Amino acid sequence: MYVRIALVMLISISCLQAQLAVSPGSEDLEKNFNNPQESAKPITVHGGDKDLSLLPWPTEVRRLTGEYVTTAESRITTNRQSGVEGYMLDVTREGITIAAGDAAGIFYAQQTLGQLTVSNRVPCVRIVDKPRFQWRGLMLDCSRTFQSLDYLRRTIDRMAAFKMNVLHLHLTDDQGWRMEIKKHPELTGRGARFAEKYSEPKAHEGFYTQEELRDLVKYAAARHVSIVPEIEMPGHSHEVIVCRPDLSCAGETNGDIFPFFKGPDITSDILCAGNEKTFAFMQDVLDEVIAVFPSPFIHIGGDEAPKESWKSCAKCQARIKTEGLKNEHELQSYFIKRIEKHLSAKGKRLIGWSEILQGGLAPNAAVMDWIGGAGPATKAGHDVVMSPTSHCYFDYTYKRISTERAYSYDPVAGLSAEQAGHVLGLQANFWSHIDREPELVDKQLFPRLLAIAERGWSPADTRDWPAFKVRLDAQLPRLRQMGVHYNNDEQIVKGEVK
């Protein structure tokens, strides 16, 4: 079935989905790609064509020089050969055809078509496209500063527009617990608020109900974004111990919930690994997290866990002796493996920061590498998501990590082919202790996030910074239309902007 639509409709995802019909088979489109017209020329230079300012850059582009359409017969067909998230897009005078093997591929073809559409016309092109990596992510820290649901939805829209597909929500840390846990209401009853003496703005604190998070998951899924929740353990758990001092090694706490720069930085608080109540508590929490988030991965943190309390804790030392462990590093490994076993029984995969490798790691667990290198994890056969501080930490200034530096990152550099096969993808991280207002978060994320989007999607040989910069500049008006308060790299490099 075909329908005739004005190309202005292509800008609206929902309108396009409503208008286009799905037709079986894609033999004609595949034939067009295998036997292109003489005027169809492959585009190998990823910039310089004002009509093809696509970002991220597709796998293969063929331009029908000088030809445009403003109204076209359009159809969507199935094509299993496109692969997961892949698609083929054919724009000719005869019509517009999208061929894809899954709904995500159709969605991403629509994003490409939207970028091609300018002043209600689109150039005639043929595009074959698929992602380089399956994980193209962004981590937003919702603990140190609460991120509103409205901001999270806007972030999802912006990610999806540039073919990013994982939003990692850092839901718990020393500065607050942000998810409703019905079995343990004390976590949000006290743990979601800063102590009154700090006079923090109300917008900086709070929590999400489970119903709100389920709605957010649905909103993201409609845009082919998976939300991965993070529940920090065993360290970065000051807010838990404030609410549940019985889960600490000392069995008490004199602390309160403090803003990051008004407290002791990383605290010495850690969950007691020798106390069975700790594991019962975390299993309660994770069961409710699993019920809300359908993501195959659950992030458990595991980083920067201070072990001094374990060294002086009778229960923890007894656990080390009973389990035949060598030291506190192996005690953390024991802790992580118990949590991994529980998640695995629920059909989930554990993922955690680099430190979870210390003392050994369960075979099915994945590592989010913020230290960089990926060598030890991939050599041990673990899947890895790369998010090193050297290129992917977007709470850092632009002088430290410019958009050009972020774009230069290759997550599989220096790895063997076998090791590279364990790299799921890459992710930008934003910690919310410095820039805490939505407009300031925007400026830290954009335009750098678009560099990560392209490094995650485009072929490995798409590395031409000048060409990327041309396409990036062409996308700035689109960012403005989306309400993004982006930064200006050139002014930043010159020292005109912090």
Protein backbone atom coordinates (compact mmCIF):
# COMPACT_ATOMS: atom_id res chain seq x y z
CA MET A 1 0.00 0.00 0.00
CA TYR A 2 1.21 3.52 -0.80
CA VAL A 3 0.22 6.97 0.47
CA ARG A 4 1.10 10.44 -0.84
CA ILE A 5 2.42 12.82 1.78
CA ALA A 6 3.89 16.30 1.86
CA LEU A 7 7.48 16.20 3.09
CA VAL A 8 6.77 18.71 5.82
CA MET A 9 5.16 15.74 7.58
CA LEU A 10 8.49 13.96 7.72
CA ILE A 11 9.69 16.32 10.42
CA SER A 12 7.09 14.85 12.77
CA ILE A 13 7.89 11.30 13.83
CA SER A 14 4.38 10.60 15.04
CA CYS A 15 2.80 11.98 11.86
CA LEU A 16 5.09 9.95 9.66
CA GLN A 17 4.34 6.76 11.57
CA ALA A 18 0.65 7.46 11.20
CA GLN A 19 0.90 8.09 7.44
CA LEU A 20 3.28 5.43 6.15
CA ALA A 21 1.96 1.96 5.38
CA VAL A 22 3.92 -1.26 5.93
CA SER A 23 4.31 -3.43 2.86
CA PRO A 24 5.82 -6.94 2.72
CA GLY A 25 9.08 -7.51 0.86
CA SER A 26 11.87 -5.17 -0.17
CA GLU A 27 13.21 -6.78 -3.33
CA ASP A 28 12.84 -3.62 -5.45
CA LEU A 29 14.76 -1.50 -2.97
CA GLU A 30 17.56 -4.04 -2.66
CA LYS A 31 17.75 -4.17 -6.47
CA ASN A 32 18.12 -0.39 -6.57
CA PHE A 33 21.07 -0.53 -4.19
CA ASN A 34 22.74 -3.36 -6.09
CA ASN A 35 22.22 -1.65 -9.46
CA PRO A 36 22.24 2.10 -8.81
CA GLN A 37 21.54 4.62 -11.56
CA GLU A 38 24.57 6.18 -13.20
CA SER A 39 23.80 9.46 -11.46
CA ALA A 40 24.00 7.82 -8.05
CA LYS A 41 27.47 8.46 -6.64
CA PRO A 42 28.74 7.07 -3.31
CA ILE A 43 29.58 9.87 -0.89
CA THR A 44 32.87 9.13 0.85
CA VAL A 45 33.68 12.64 2.09
CA HIS A 46 31.56 13.14 5.20
CA GLY A 47 31.01 16.87 4.83
CA GLY A 48 30.90 19.67 2.30
CA ASP A 49 27.47 18.80 0.84
CA LYS A 50 24.97 21.22 2.36
CA ASP A 51 22.11 18.79 1.64
CA LEU A 52 23.80 15.90 3.46
CA SER A 53 24.63 17.26 6.90
CA LEU A 54 23.65 13.96 8.48
CA LEU A 55 24.65 13.19 12.04
CA PRO A 56 25.58 10.51 12.80
CA TRP A 57 26.96 9.77 9.35
CA PRO A 58 25.39 6.67 7.71
CA THR A 59 27.20 3.52 6.65
CA GLU A 60 26.74 4.21 2.93
CA VAL A 61 25.25 7.19 1.09
CA ARG A 62 24.57 7.56 -2.64
CA ARG A 63 23.47 10.95 -3.91
CA LEU A 64 21.34 11.51 -7.01
CA THR A 65 22.95 14.84 -7.89
CA GLY A 66 20.65 17.82 -8.25
CA GLU A 67 17.40 15.95 -7.71
CA TYR A 68 14.83 16.73 -5.00
CA VAL A 69 11.30 15.73 -4.15
CA THR A 70 8.64 17.70 -2.30
CA THR A 71 5.76 15.21 -2.47
CA ALA A 72 6.18 11.48 -2.83
CA GLU A 73 4.51 8.10 -2.71
CA SER A 74 5.91 6.46 0.42
CA ARG A 75 6.08 2.99 1.92
CA ILE A 76 7.78 0.96 4.64
CA THR A 77 8.88 -2.59 3.88
CA THR A 78 10.56 -5.38 5.81
CA ASN A 79 14.18 -6.31 5.15
CA ARG A 80 15.74 -8.73 7.61
CA GLN A 81 19.15 -8.25 6.03
CA SER A 82 19.32 -4.74 7.47
CA GLY A 83 20.12 -6.24 10.88
CA VAL A 84 19.21 -4.98 14.34
CA GLU A 85 18.47 -1.23 14.20
CA GLY A 86 19.61 -1.08 10.57
CA TYR A 87 17.66 0.30 7.61
CA MET A 88 17.72 1.16 3.91
CA LEU A 89 16.30 4.47 2.71
CA ASP A 90 15.50 5.19 -0.93
CA VAL A 91 14.39 8.69 -2.00
CA THR A 92 13.71 9.02 -5.73
CA ARG A 93 11.22 10.80 -7.97
CA GLU A 94 9.17 7.62 -7.89
CA GLY A 95 8.80 7.68 -4.12
CA ILE A 96 10.30 7.23 -0.66
CA THR A 97 10.88 3.73 0.66
CA ILE A 98 12.15 2.62 4.07
CA ALA A 99 13.22 -1.00 4.46
CA ALA A 100 14.13 -2.30 7.90
CA GLY A 101 14.14 -5.51 9.90
CA ASP A 102 12.74 -4.06 13.10
CA ALA A 103 10.86 -1.09 14.50
CA ALA A 104 14.07 0.59 15.63
CA GLY A 105 15.39 0.54 12.07
CA ILE A 106 12.23 2.22 10.82
CA PHE A 107 12.52 4.82 13.58
CA TYR A 108 16.14 5.62 12.77
CA ALA A 109 15.34 5.88 9.05
CA GLN A 110 12.75 8.46 10.02
CA GLN A 111 15.37 10.42 11.95
CA THR A 112 17.61 10.43 8.88
CA LEU A 113 14.71 11.51 6.68
CA GLY A 114 13.92 14.30 9.10
CA GLN A 115 17.49 15.58 8.92
CA LEU A 116 17.41 15.47 5.12
CA THR A 117 14.19 17.47 4.94
CA VAL A 118 14.85 21.20 4.54
CA SER A 119 12.25 23.77 3.47
CA ASN A 120 9.79 20.99 2.69
CA ARG A 121 12.03 19.20 0.21
CA VAL A 122 14.46 16.31 0.45
CA PRO A 123 17.38 15.39 -1.85
CA CYS A 124 17.18 12.14 -3.75
CA VAL A 125 19.49 9.70 -1.97
CA ARG A 126 19.98 6.04 -1.30
CA ILE A 127 21.25 5.14 2.15
CA VAL A 128 22.25 1.85 3.72
CA ASP A 129 22.81 2.25 7.44
CA LYS A 130 23.36 0.32 10.64
CA PRO A 131 25.03 1.02 14.00
CA ARG A 132 28.63 0.17 14.75
CA PHE A 133 27.88 -0.51 18.44
CA GLN A 134 24.78 -1.76 20.22
CA TRP A 135 25.27 0.52 23.28
CA ARG A 136 25.24 4.26 22.53
CA GLY A 137 24.60 5.80 25.89
CA LEU A 138 24.40 8.72 28.26
CA MET A 139 24.55 8.56 32.05
CA LEU A 140 22.70 11.25 33.98
CA ASP A 141 23.39 11.58 37.70
CA CYS A 142 20.03 12.07 39.41
CA SER A 143 21.37 11.70 42.96
CA ARG A 144 23.77 14.58 43.50
CA THR A 145 21.16 16.80 41.89
CA PHE A 146 17.63 15.61 41.16
CA GLN A 147 16.74 15.70 37.45
CA SER A 148 13.11 16.51 36.74
CA LEU A 149 10.95 14.14 34.71
CA ASP A 150 10.47 16.90 32.16
CA TYR A 151 14.24 17.19 31.71
CA LEU A 152 14.61 13.43 31.41
CA ARG A 153 11.94 13.29 28.71
CA ARG A 154 13.61 16.12 26.80
CA THR A 155 16.94 14.32 27.09
CA ILE A 156 15.40 11.14 25.70
CA ASP A 157 14.00 13.08 22.73
CA ARG A 158 17.40 14.60 22.00
CA MET A 159 19.22 11.29 22.30
CA ALA A 160 16.78 9.50 20.02
CA ALA A 161 17.06 12.21 17.37
CA PHE A 162 20.75 11.31 17.01
CA LYS A 163 20.31 7.53 17.28
CA MET A 164 21.49 7.09 20.88
CA ASN A 165 19.72 4.24 22.61
CA VAL A 166 20.71 3.86 26.31
CA LEU A 167 19.90 6.29 29.11
CA HIS A 168 21.72 5.23 32.29
CA LEU A 169 20.12 6.80 35.37
CA HIS A 170 22.35 7.09 38.43
CA LEU A 171 19.52 6.86 40.96
CA THR A 172 21.36 6.52 44.27
CA ASP A 173 24.51 7.95 45.83
CA ASP A 174 25.66 9.71 49.00
CA GLN A 175 23.58 12.76 48.05
CA GLY A 176 20.23 11.05 47.85
CA TRP A 177 18.01 8.07 47.05
CA ARG A 178 15.78 8.88 44.08
CA MET A 179 13.53 5.85 43.48
CA GLU A 180 10.49 4.83 45.51
CA ILE A 181 11.00 1.44 47.18
CA LYS A 182 7.67 0.40 48.65
CA LYS A 183 9.11 -2.19 51.01
CA HIS A 184 11.53 0.39 52.44
CA PRO A 185 9.76 3.79 52.43
CA GLU A 186 12.43 5.26 54.72
CA LEU A 187 14.77 5.50 51.72
CA THR A 188 12.70 8.28 50.18
CA GLY A 189 11.13 9.43 53.44
CA ARG A 190 14.48 10.76 54.59
CA GLY A 191 17.04 9.74 52.01
CA ALA A 192 15.63 11.83 49.14
CA ARG A 193 16.03 15.19 50.93
CA PHE A 194 19.01 17.28 51.91
CA ALA A 195 19.17 18.31 55.56
CA GLU A 196 17.37 21.61 56.12
CA LYS A 197 20.50 23.33 57.39
CA TYR A 198 21.92 23.35 53.85
CA SER A 199 19.01 25.42 52.47
CA GLU A 200 19.07 23.59 49.15
CA PRO A 201 16.53 24.58 46.47
CA LYS A 202 13.61 22.14 46.41
CA ALA A 203 14.26 21.45 42.72
CA HIS A 204 17.61 19.86 43.69
CA GLU A 205 15.99 17.09 45.76
CA GLY A 206 13.14 14.61 45.54
CA PHE A 207 12.42 11.16 44.15
CA TYR A 208 10.52 9.35 41.40
CA THR A 209 7.54 7.17 42.19
CA GLN A 210 7.50 3.75 40.57
CA GLU A 211 4.52 4.81 38.47
CA GLU A 212 6.45 7.83 37.19
CA LEU A 213 9.41 5.66 36.28
CA ARG A 214 7.21 3.13 34.48
CA ASP A 215 5.76 5.98 32.43
CA LEU A 216 9.27 7.22 31.68
CA VAL A 217 10.32 3.73 30.57
CA LYS A 218 7.35 3.63 28.17
CA TYR A 219 8.18 7.10 26.87
CA ALA A 220 11.77 6.04 26.21
CA ALA A 221 10.79 2.70 24.65
CA ALA A 222 8.58 4.51 22.13
CA ARG A 223 11.78 6.26 21.01
CA HIS A 224 13.88 3.07 21.16
CA VAL A 225 15.82 4.18 24.22
CA SER A 226 16.43 1.66 26.99
CA ILE A 227 16.72 2.99 30.54
CA VAL A 228 19.37 1.27 32.68
CA PRO A 229 18.94 1.96 36.42
CA GLU A 230 21.91 2.21 38.77
CA ILE A 231 21.68 1.36 42.47
CA GLU A 232 25.07 2.01 44.07
CA MET A 233 26.65 -0.61 46.35
CA PRO A 234 28.56 -1.38 48.52
CA GLY A 235 30.14 2.10 48.64
CA HIS A 236 28.59 5.47 47.77
CA SER A 237 25.83 4.42 50.15
CA HIS A 238 25.88 7.14 52.80
CA GLU A 239 22.22 7.95 52.12
CA VAL A 240 21.27 4.31 52.82
CA ILE A 241 23.15 4.25 56.11
CA VAL A 242 21.56 7.53 57.19
CA CYS A 243 18.19 5.80 56.76
CA ARG A 244 19.32 2.32 57.84
CA PRO A 245 22.30 2.61 60.23
CA ASP A 246 21.88 -1.09 61.09
CA LEU A 247 23.33 -1.89 57.64
CA SER A 248 26.65 -0.19 58.42
CA CYS A 249 29.62 -1.88 60.04
CA ALA A 250 29.30 0.34 63.14
CA GLY A 251 25.54 -0.11 63.33
CA GLU A 252 25.01 3.64 63.69
CA THR A 253 25.46 6.96 61.94
CA ASN A 254 25.64 10.57 63.00
CA GLY A 255 25.42 11.92 59.48
CA ASP A 256 22.79 13.57 57.35
CA ILE A 257 22.19 14.01 53.61
CA PHE A 258 24.50 16.74 52.34
CA PRO A 259 25.14 18.47 48.98
CA PHE A 260 28.36 17.27 47.39
CA PHE A 261 30.47 20.35 48.05
CA LYS A 262 29.12 20.85 51.57
CA GLY A 263 30.21 17.47 52.87
CA PRO A 264 33.31 15.26 53.15
CA ASP A 265 33.46 14.38 49.41
CA ILE A 266 33.41 10.55 49.21
CA THR A 267 32.47 9.29 52.66
CA SER A 268 33.90 6.27 54.44
CA ASP A 269 30.41 4.76 54.69
CA ILE A 270 30.00 1.32 53.20
CA LEU A 271 27.40 -1.39 53.52
CA CYS A 272 28.43 -4.18 55.87
CA ALA A 273 29.38 -7.25 53.83
CA GLY A 274 29.32 -9.47 56.91
CA ASN A 275 25.71 -8.71 57.75
CA GLU A 276 23.04 -10.91 56.15
CA LYS A 277 20.53 -8.11 56.62
CA THR A 278 22.49 -6.12 54.03
CA PHE A 279 21.91 -8.73 51.34
CA ALA A 280 18.25 -9.19 52.25
CA PHE A 281 17.78 -5.42 52.00
CA MET A 282 19.54 -5.13 48.62
CA GLN A 283 17.54 -8.04 47.23
CA ASP A 284 14.31 -6.32 48.30
CA VAL A 285 15.44 -3.16 46.52
CA LEU A 286 16.59 -4.92 43.37
CA ASP A 287 13.37 -6.90 43.09
CA GLU A 288 11.39 -3.65 42.94
CA VAL A 289 13.89 -2.11 40.51
CA ILE A 290 13.59 -5.13 38.22
CA ALA A 291 9.79 -4.88 38.29
CA VAL A 292 9.98 -1.30 36.97
CA PHE A 293 12.84 -1.46 34.46
CA PRO A 294 12.71 -4.07 31.65
CA SER A 295 16.35 -3.38 30.70
CA PRO A 296 18.43 -6.57 30.48
CA PHE A 297 21.13 -4.78 32.52
CA ILE A 298 21.00 -3.56 36.11
CA HIS A 299 23.90 -1.30 37.14
CA ILE A 300 25.12 -1.79 40.72
CA GLY A 301 27.91 0.80 40.89
CA GLY A 302 30.72 -0.92 42.78
CA ASP A 303 33.20 1.94 42.40
CA GLU A 304 35.29 3.79 44.97
CA ALA A 305 34.26 1.49 47.82
CA PRO A 306 36.26 2.50 50.95
CA LYS A 307 37.22 -0.65 52.83
CA GLU A 308 38.59 0.74 56.11
CA SER A 309 35.37 -0.08 57.93
CA TRP A 310 35.52 -3.66 56.68
CA LYS A 311 39.05 -4.03 58.05
CA SER A 312 37.88 -3.21 61.58
CA CYS A 313 34.46 -4.89 61.38
CA ALA A 314 34.15 -8.20 63.25
CA LYS A 315 31.33 -9.37 60.97
CA CYS A 316 33.25 -8.59 57.80
CA GLN A 317 36.41 -10.27 59.07
CA ALA A 318 34.38 -13.31 60.07
CA ARG A 319 32.94 -13.41 56.54
CA ILE A 320 36.45 -13.28 55.06
CA LYS A 321 37.51 -16.20 57.23
CA THR A 322 34.38 -18.29 56.68
CA GLU A 323 34.44 -17.86 52.89
CA GLY A 324 38.21 -18.42 52.63
CA LEU A 325 38.85 -14.98 51.19
CA LYS A 326 42.29 -13.36 51.12
CA ASN A 327 41.44 -9.73 51.81
CA GLU A 328 38.86 -6.98 51.57
CA HIS A 329 39.17 -6.82 47.76
CA GLU A 330 38.00 -10.41 47.60
CA LEU A 331 35.26 -9.53 50.08
CA GLN A 332 33.98 -6.94 47.58
CA SER A 333 34.13 -9.61 44.89
CA TYR A 334 32.10 -11.89 47.18
CA PHE A 335 29.55 -9.08 47.65
CA ILE A 336 29.26 -8.42 43.90
CA LYS A 337 29.00 -12.12 43.05
CA ARG A 338 26.12 -12.59 45.51
CA ILE A 339 24.27 -9.68 43.95
CA GLU A 340 25.05 -11.00 40.47
CA LYS A 341 23.63 -14.40 41.38
CA HIS A 342 20.39 -12.80 42.52
CA LEU A 343 20.10 -10.70 39.36
CA SER A 344 20.92 -13.64 37.13
CA ALA A 345 18.17 -15.69 38.77
CA LYS A 346 15.78 -12.90 37.82
CA GLY A 347 16.94 -12.93 34.19
CA LYS A 348 19.10 -9.80 34.45
CA ARG A 349 22.75 -9.06 33.77
CA LEU A 350 24.85 -7.16 36.27
CA ILE A 351 26.95 -4.25 35.06
CA GLY A 352 29.18 -2.12 37.27
CA TRP A 353 32.06 0.33 37.23
CA SER A 354 35.69 -0.73 36.63
CA GLU A 355 36.38 -1.64 40.27
CA ILE A 356 34.05 -4.64 40.23
CA LEU A 357 36.91 -6.53 38.58
CA GLN A 358 38.87 -6.43 41.84
CA GLY A 359 39.06 -9.88 43.37
CA GLY A 360 37.33 -11.58 40.43
CA LEU A 361 33.97 -11.22 38.70
CA ALA A 362 31.12 -13.53 37.75
CA PRO A 363 31.40 -14.63 34.08
CA ASN A 364 28.10 -13.09 32.92
CA ALA A 365 28.74 -9.69 34.50
CA ALA A 366 29.67 -6.68 32.35
CA VAL A 367 31.99 -3.79 33.14
CA MET A 368 31.48 -0.09 32.58
CA ASP A 369 35.06 1.09 32.20
CA TRP A 370 35.55 4.64 33.44
CA ILE A 371 39.29 4.20 34.01
CA GLY A 372 40.00 3.29 30.38
CA GLY A 373 41.75 0.57 28.45
CA ALA A 374 39.25 -2.28 28.67
CA GLY A 375 42.17 -4.69 28.54
CA PRO A 376 41.74 -6.72 31.75
CA ALA A 377 37.96 -7.05 31.38
CA THR A 378 37.95 -8.06 27.72
CA LYS A 379 40.88 -10.45 28.18
CA ALA A 380 38.83 -12.15 30.90
CA GLY A 381 35.93 -12.46 28.46
CA HIS A 382 33.68 -9.81 30.01
CA ASP A 383 31.56 -7.46 27.94
CA VAL A 384 32.48 -3.81 28.38
CA VAL A 385 30.93 -0.39 27.88
CA MET A 386 33.62 2.26 27.49
CA SER A 387 33.16 5.59 29.30
CA PRO A 388 36.65 6.80 30.26
CA THR A 389 37.32 10.07 32.05
CA SER A 390 39.77 10.96 29.28
CA HIS A 391 37.04 11.51 26.66
CA CYS A 392 33.57 10.82 28.04
CA TYR A 393 33.12 12.72 31.34
CA PHE A 394 30.98 15.69 30.44
CA ASP A 395 30.92 17.32 33.85
CA TYR A 396 34.54 18.21 32.94
CA THR A 397 35.15 21.58 31.28
CA TYR A 398 35.40 21.99 27.52
CA LYS A 399 39.01 23.07 27.96
CA ARG A 400 39.70 19.61 29.35
CA ILE A 401 37.44 17.63 27.00
CA SER A 402 36.52 19.57 23.86
CA THR A 403 34.03 18.27 21.32
CA GLU A 404 36.99 17.48 19.06
CA ARG A 405 38.61 15.42 21.80
CA ALA A 406 35.39 13.52 22.46
CA TYR A 407 35.09 12.86 18.72
CA SER A 408 38.62 11.46 18.56
CA TYR A 409 37.77 8.57 20.89
CA ASP A 410 37.73 5.01 19.57
CA PRO A 411 36.46 2.53 22.17
CA VAL A 412 38.30 -0.45 20.65
CA ALA A 413 41.69 1.19 20.03
CA GLY A 414 44.56 -1.10 21.00
CA LEU A 415 42.37 -4.19 21.44
CA SER A 416 42.63 -7.45 19.55
CA ALA A 417 39.72 -8.45 17.33
CA GLU A 418 38.58 -10.94 19.96
CA GLN A 419 38.71 -8.31 22.69
CA ALA A 420 36.96 -5.74 20.52
CA GLY A 421 34.10 -8.20 20.14
CA HIS A 422 33.40 -7.76 23.86
CA VAL A 423 33.02 -3.96 23.60
CA LEU A 424 29.28 -3.30 23.61
CA GLY A 425 29.76 0.38 22.90
CA LEU A 426 30.44 3.67 24.60
CA GLN A 427 28.76 6.16 26.86
CA ALA A 428 29.05 9.79 27.98
CA ASN A 429 28.73 10.42 31.72
CA PHE A 430 27.43 13.51 33.46
CA TRP A 431 27.84 13.93 37.22
CA SER A 432 25.57 16.65 38.60
CA HIS A 433 27.59 18.07 41.50
CA ILE A 434 29.01 21.10 39.63
CA ASP A 435 26.47 22.23 37.02
CA ARG A 436 23.07 21.65 38.59
CA GLU A 437 20.48 23.62 36.59
CA PRO A 438 18.95 22.24 33.34
CA GLU A 439 20.40 24.99 31.14
CA LEU A 440 23.88 24.38 32.55
CA VAL A 441 23.53 20.61 32.15
CA ASP A 442 22.58 21.24 28.52
CA LYS A 443 25.76 23.24 27.94
CA GLN A 444 27.90 20.49 29.40
CA LEU A 445 26.24 17.85 27.23
CA PHE A 446 25.90 19.69 23.94
CA PRO A 447 27.45 19.72 21.44
CA ARG A 448 29.81 17.06 22.85
CA LEU A 449 27.09 14.42 23.04
CA LEU A 450 26.71 14.49 19.27
CA ALA A 451 30.36 13.45 18.96
CA ILE A 452 29.65 10.40 21.13
CA ALA A 453 26.52 9.70 19.08
CA GLU A 454 28.57 9.50 15.89
CA ARG A 455 31.40 7.48 17.43
CA GLY A 456 28.80 4.96 18.58
CA TRP A 457 26.85 4.70 15.33
CA SER A 458 29.06 5.48 12.34
CA PRO A 459 31.66 3.19 10.73
CA ALA A 460 35.12 3.09 12.27
CA ASP A 461 36.64 4.99 9.33
CA THR A 462 34.33 7.97 9.85
CA ARG A 463 36.89 10.04 11.74
CA ASP A 464 37.28 13.27 9.76
CA TRP A 465 36.96 16.06 12.36
CA PRO A 466 36.74 19.00 9.88
CA ALA A 467 33.94 17.22 8.01
CA PHE A 468 32.17 16.38 11.26
CA LYS A 469 32.45 20.02 12.36
CA VAL A 470 30.72 21.14 9.16
CA ARG A 471 27.86 18.74 9.79
CA LEU A 472 27.74 19.63 13.49
CA ASP A 473 27.43 23.34 12.71
CA ALA A 474 24.57 22.52 10.34
CA GLN A 475 22.78 20.75 13.23
CA LEU A 476 22.97 23.72 15.61
CA PRO A 477 19.74 25.32 14.34
CA ARG A 478 18.03 21.99 14.95
CA LEU A 479 19.37 21.94 18.52
CA ARG A 480 17.98 25.43 19.01
CA GLN A 481 14.59 24.29 17.74
CA MET A 482 14.73 21.49 20.32
CA GLY A 483 15.36 24.04 23.06
CA VAL A 484 18.94 22.93 23.73
CA HIS A 485 21.20 25.46 25.48
CA TYR A 486 24.40 24.27 23.82
CA ASN A 487 27.93 25.58 24.33
CA ASN A 488 30.18 27.18 21.75
CA ASP A 489 33.40 25.20 21.53
CA GLU A 490 35.43 27.82 19.67
CA GLN A 491 34.72 30.48 22.28
CA ILE A 492 35.55 27.98 25.02
CA VAL A 493 38.89 27.01 23.49
CA LYS A 494 39.80 30.68 23.20
CA GLY A 495 39.05 31.16 26.87
CA GLU A 496 35.99 33.34 26.28
CA VAL A 497 33.64 30.87 27.98
CA LYS A 498 34.30 28.72 31.03
